[in-house]
Amino acid sequence: MKKTASHNQNGEYHQEGLLQLTLEGLIPPNQILVLNLELRTATLFYNVPEGNQTMVEQQHFSPNGMRVLVPLLRAYPKYCLHEVLFASLVSLPLEEAYQQMREMRALTIRSVRRAVASLPSRLRAFGWQVRSIRGAGYLIEAIPTG
C-alpha cells in the first residue's frame, strides 16, 4: 500500500497519521516536530548535517490533549480561536462549533479549558507554554528565558 504525502505553505508535511511542522521561531531551524496522530506523540528531531535525524524530545499526549494541540500548533505563531479548538475537540464542522459556542458558551469553553490544561507539563519539555488570550483563544509560545 502506497503512503500518501502532501506539503503546504506553512512548512507542514503530512503523511498518513504523521504531521511534520517546522514552527519557525518556536524551534531552531535545524529541528522538526513530528506529531504521530495515532500514537498521540510529539517528537522533536534534530537534523544532523549528514542527513540523519536525532531525537531531542518526545512526549505522549492524552486524546483530548492531542485534539487541541494540533490546531494550536497549526495556528502558530498566531493564537487559535476557542471555536476552532472546540471543533477539533468534539470533531464538529467549524460552523456547528460556532453555533454550539453561541448556545452554550460556558459549557463549551469549560471543555476546551480542561483539554488545554492537560498540555503545560508536556509542552514544558519542549520549552513551550500555552497562554490564554482572554475571550478569544489560546497561543503556544516559547517559555521566556531570563
C-alpha atoms as a PDB file:
ATOM      1  CA  MET A   1       0.000   0.000   0.000  1.00  0.00           C
ATOM      2  CA  LYS A   2       1.438   3.355  -1.002  1.00  0.00           C
ATOM      3  CA  LYS A   3       1.620   6.090   1.617  1.00  0.00           C
ATOM      4  CA  THR A   4       0.260   9.439   0.533  1.00  0.00           C
ATOM      5  CA  ALA A   5       2.019  12.649   1.464  1.00  0.00           C
ATOM      6  CA  SER A   6       1.371  16.341   0.974  1.00  0.00           C
ATOM      7  CA  HIS A   7       3.061  19.669   1.763  1.00  0.00           C
ATOM      8  CA  ASN A   8       1.537  23.059   2.428  1.00  0.00           C
ATOM      9  CA  GLN A   9       2.980  26.566   2.500  1.00  0.00           C
ATOM     10  CA  ASN A  10       3.212  26.743   6.328  1.00  0.00           C
ATOM     11  CA  GLY A  11       6.091  24.270   6.397  1.00  0.00           C
ATOM     12  CA  GLU A  12       3.779  21.379   7.241  1.00  0.00           C
ATOM     13  CA  TYR A  13       4.368  17.951   5.799  1.00  0.00           C
ATOM     14  CA  HIS A  14       1.570  15.425   6.248  1.00  0.00           C
ATOM     15  CA  GLN A  15       1.765  11.678   5.725  1.00  0.00           C
ATOM     16  CA  GLU A  16      -0.987   9.287   6.889  1.00  0.00           C
ATOM     17  CA  GLY A  17      -1.091   9.794  10.651  1.00  0.00           C
ATOM     18  CA  LEU A  18       2.086  11.926  10.743  1.00  0.00           C
ATOM     19  CA  LEU A  19       2.254  15.699  10.733  1.00  0.00           C
ATOM     20  CA  GLN A  20       5.653  17.397  10.445  1.00  0.00           C
ATOM     21  CA  LEU A  21       5.980  21.054  11.443  1.00  0.00           C
ATOM     22  CA  THR A  22       8.940  23.406  11.171  1.00  0.00           C
ATOM     23  CA  LEU A  23       7.437  26.070  13.524  1.00  0.00           C
ATOM     24  CA  GLU A  24       9.833  28.887  12.677  1.00  0.00           C
ATOM     25  CA  GLY A  25      10.628  30.894  15.800  1.00  0.00           C
ATOM     26  CA  LEU A  26       9.451  28.164  18.182  1.00  0.00           C
ATOM     27  CA  ILE A  27      12.105  25.578  17.334  1.00  0.00           C
ATOM     28  CA  PRO A  28      15.573  26.053  15.823  1.00  0.00           C
ATOM     29  CA  PRO A  29      15.807  25.881  12.006  1.00  0.00           C
ATOM     30  CA  ASN A  30      17.731  22.582  12.195  1.00  0.00           C
ATOM     31  CA  GLN A  31      14.905  20.848  14.090  1.00  0.00           C
ATOM     32  CA  ILE A  32      11.494  19.498  13.100  1.00  0.00           C
ATOM     33  CA  LEU A  33       8.476  18.497  15.173  1.00  0.00           C
ATOM     34  CA  VAL A  34       6.683  15.306  14.139  1.00  0.00           C
ATOM     35  CA  LEU A  35       3.220  14.590  15.513  1.00  0.00           C
ATOM     36  CA  ASN A  36       2.099  10.976  15.345  1.00  0.00           C
ATOM     37  CA  LEU A  37      -1.667  11.415  15.467  1.00  0.00           C
ATOM     38  CA  GLU A  38      -2.390   7.713  16.004  1.00  0.00           C
ATOM     39  CA  LEU A  39       0.072   7.255  18.893  1.00  0.00           C
ATOM     40  CA  ARG A  40      -0.599  10.809  20.179  1.00  0.00           C
ATOM     41  CA  THR A  41       3.098  11.621  20.418  1.00  0.00           C
ATOM     42  CA  ALA A  42       5.063  14.765  19.631  1.00  0.00           C
ATOM     43  CA  THR A  43       8.713  14.134  18.773  1.00  0.00           C
ATOM     44  CA  LEU A  44      11.306  16.824  18.220  1.00  0.00           C
ATOM     45  CA  PHE A  45      14.130  15.795  15.877  1.00  0.00           C
ATOM     46  CA  TYR A  46      17.485  17.437  15.233  1.00  0.00           C
ATOM     47  CA  ASN A  47      18.597  17.182  11.596  1.00  0.00           C
ATOM     48  CA  VAL A  48      22.251  16.156  11.602  1.00  0.00           C
ATOM     49  CA  PRO A  49      24.218  17.633   8.652  1.00  0.00           C
ATOM     50  CA  GLU A  50      24.906  14.123   7.251  1.00  0.00           C
ATOM     51  CA  GLY A  51      21.151  13.755   6.671  1.00  0.00           C
ATOM     52  CA  ASN A  52      20.349  11.688   9.759  1.00  0.00           C
ATOM     53  CA  GLN A  53      17.935  12.712  12.476  1.00  0.00           C
ATOM     54  CA  THR A  54      18.453  12.518  16.226  1.00  0.00           C
ATOM     55  CA  MET A  55      15.537  12.569  18.656  1.00  0.00           C
ATOM     56  CA  VAL A  56      15.756  15.552  21.006  1.00  0.00           C
ATOM     57  CA  GLU A  57      12.486  15.139  22.959  1.00  0.00           C
ATOM     58  CA  GLN A  58       9.303  13.080  22.837  1.00  0.00           C
ATOM     59  CA  GLN A  59       6.063  13.474  24.778  1.00  0.00           C
ATOM     60  CA  HIS A  60       2.844  11.459  24.799  1.00  0.00           C
ATOM     61  CA  PHE A  61      -0.473  13.318  24.996  1.00  0.00           C
ATOM     62  CA  SER A  62      -3.981  12.371  26.090  1.00  0.00           C
ATOM     63  CA  PRO A  63      -6.583  12.014  23.313  1.00  0.00           C
ATOM     64  CA  ASN A  64      -8.117  15.416  24.152  1.00  0.00           C
ATOM     65  CA  GLY A  65      -4.694  16.973  24.595  1.00  0.00           C
ATOM     66  CA  MET A  66      -3.680  15.926  21.078  1.00  0.00           C
ATOM     67  CA  ARG A  67      -7.028  17.152  19.682  1.00  0.00           C
ATOM     68  CA  VAL A  68      -6.278  20.685  20.892  1.00  0.00           C
ATOM     69  CA  LEU A  69      -2.502  20.560  20.361  1.00  0.00           C
ATOM     70  CA  VAL A  70      -2.789  20.104  16.580  1.00  0.00           C
ATOM     71  CA  PRO A  71      -4.850  23.273  15.921  1.00  0.00           C
ATOM     72  CA  LEU A  72      -2.711  25.251  18.392  1.00  0.00           C
ATOM     73  CA  LEU A  73       0.460  24.299  16.524  1.00  0.00           C
ATOM     74  CA  ARG A  74      -1.149  24.872  13.127  1.00  0.00           C
ATOM     75  CA  ALA A  75      -2.192  28.375  14.232  1.00  0.00           C
ATOM     76  CA  TYR A  76       1.327  29.235  15.440  1.00  0.00           C
ATOM     77  CA  PRO A  77       2.604  31.997  15.601  1.00  0.00           C
ATOM     78  CA  LYS A  78      -0.948  33.314  15.907  1.00  0.00           C
ATOM     79  CA  TYR A  79      -3.475  32.302  18.533  1.00  0.00           C
ATOM     80  CA  CYS A  80      -6.108  29.643  17.942  1.00  0.00           C
ATOM     81  CA  LEU A  81      -9.755  30.594  18.464  1.00  0.00           C
ATOM     82  CA  HIS A  82     -11.849  28.858  21.136  1.00  0.00           C
ATOM     83  CA  GLU A  83     -14.257  27.786  18.386  1.00  0.00           C
ATOM     84  CA  VAL A  84     -11.507  26.084  16.365  1.00  0.00           C
ATOM     85  CA  LEU A  85     -10.254  24.253  19.452  1.00  0.00           C
ATOM     86  CA  PHE A  86     -13.790  23.183  20.372  1.00  0.00           C
ATOM     87  CA  ALA A  87     -14.473  21.962  16.805  1.00  0.00           C
ATOM     88  CA  SER A  88     -11.298  19.867  16.889  1.00  0.00           C
ATOM     89  CA  LEU A  89     -12.012  18.585  20.393  1.00  0.00           C
ATOM     90  CA  VAL A  90     -15.506  17.282  19.604  1.00  0.00           C
ATOM     91  CA  SER A  91     -14.958  16.572  15.876  1.00  0.00           C
ATOM     92  CA  LEU A  92     -17.515  19.076  14.604  1.00  0.00           C
ATOM     93  CA  PRO A  93     -17.510  21.222  11.490  1.00  0.00           C
ATOM     94  CA  LEU A  94     -16.442  24.756  12.401  1.00  0.00           C
ATOM     95  CA  GLU A  95     -19.884  26.260  11.714  1.00  0.00           C
ATOM     96  CA  GLU A  96     -21.524  23.803  14.147  1.00  0.00           C
ATOM     97  CA  ALA A  97     -18.869  24.599  16.750  1.00  0.00           C
ATOM     98  CA  TYR A  98     -19.629  28.333  16.398  1.00  0.00           C
ATOM     99  CA  GLN A  99     -23.340  27.570  16.849  1.00  0.00           C
ATOM    100  CA  GLN A 100     -22.776  25.453  19.980  1.00  0.00           C
ATOM    101  CA  MET A 101     -20.498  28.100  21.443  1.00  0.00           C
ATOM    102  CA  ARG A 102     -23.210  30.724  20.946  1.00  0.00           C
ATOM    103  CA  GLU A 103     -25.820  28.500  22.612  1.00  0.00           C
ATOM    104  CA  MET A 104     -23.729  27.013  25.449  1.00  0.00           C
ATOM    105  CA  ARG A 105     -20.613  29.182  25.776  1.00  0.00           C
ATOM    106  CA  ALA A 106     -19.769  28.335  29.401  1.00  0.00           C
ATOM    107  CA  LEU A 107     -20.013  24.582  28.809  1.00  0.00           C
ATOM    108  CA  THR A 108     -18.009  24.597  25.580  1.00  0.00           C
ATOM    109  CA  ILE A 109     -15.305  26.891  26.995  1.00  0.00           C
ATOM    110  CA  ARG A 110     -15.018  24.631  30.047  1.00  0.00           C
ATOM    111  CA  SER A 111     -14.354  21.570  27.861  1.00  0.00           C
ATOM    112  CA  VAL A 112     -11.702  23.471  25.857  1.00  0.00           C
ATOM    113  CA  ARG A 113     -10.103  24.787  29.059  1.00  0.00           C
ATOM    114  CA  ARG A 114      -9.971  21.266  30.519  1.00  0.00           C
ATOM    115  CA  ALA A 115      -8.283  19.852  27.381  1.00  0.00           C
ATOM    116  CA  VAL A 116      -5.781  22.725  27.198  1.00  0.00           C
ATOM    117  CA  ALA A 117      -4.989  22.266  30.915  1.00  0.00           C
ATOM    118  CA  SER A 118      -3.543  18.825  30.097  1.00  0.00           C
ATOM    119  CA  LEU A 119      -0.821  20.387  27.899  1.00  0.00           C
ATOM    120  CA  PRO A 120       1.526  22.556  30.042  1.00  0.00           C
ATOM    121  CA  SER A 121       3.553  19.811  31.764  1.00  0.00           C
ATOM    122  CA  ARG A 122       4.184  18.048  28.441  1.00  0.00           C
ATOM    123  CA  LEU A 123       4.922  21.256  26.499  1.00  0.00           C
ATOM    124  CA  ARG A 124       7.414  22.397  29.141  1.00  0.00           C
ATOM    125  CA  ALA A 125       9.709  19.555  27.996  1.00  0.00           C
ATOM    126  CA  PHE A 126       9.945  21.347  24.620  1.00  0.00           C
ATOM    127  CA  GLY A 127      10.438  24.772  26.244  1.00  0.00           C
ATOM    128  CA  TRP A 128       6.909  25.920  25.356  1.00  0.00           C
ATOM    129  CA  GLN A 129       3.870  27.181  27.221  1.00  0.00           C
ATOM    130  CA  VAL A 130       0.219  27.822  26.434  1.00  0.00           C
ATOM    131  CA  ARG A 131      -1.077  31.324  27.040  1.00  0.00           C
ATOM    132  CA  SER A 132      -4.737  32.265  27.225  1.00  0.00           C
ATOM    133  CA  ILE A 133      -5.868  35.153  25.042  1.00  0.00           C
ATOM    134  CA  ARG A 134      -8.802  36.413  27.087  1.00  0.00           C
ATOM    135  CA  GLY A 135     -12.138  35.958  25.345  1.00  0.00           C
ATOM    136  CA  ALA A 136     -10.529  34.713  22.124  1.00  0.00           C
ATOM    137  CA  GLY A 137      -8.452  31.533  22.415  1.00  0.00           C
ATOM    138  CA  TYR A 138      -5.000  30.179  23.211  1.00  0.00           C
ATOM    139  CA  LEU A 139      -1.464  30.625  21.945  1.00  0.00           C
ATOM    140  CA  ILE A 140       1.612  28.390  22.056  1.00  0.00           C
ATOM    141  CA  GLU A 141       4.832  30.278  22.702  1.00  0.00           C
ATOM    142  CA  ALA A 142       8.369  29.690  23.902  1.00  0.00           C
ATOM    143  CA  ILE A 143       8.854  29.924  27.667  1.00  0.00           C
ATOM    144  CA  PRO A 144      10.637  33.240  28.253  1.00  0.00           C
ATOM    145  CA  THR A 145      14.239  32.834  29.397  1.00  0.00           C
ATOM    146  CA  GLY A 146      15.958  35.108  31.805  1.00  0.00           C
END
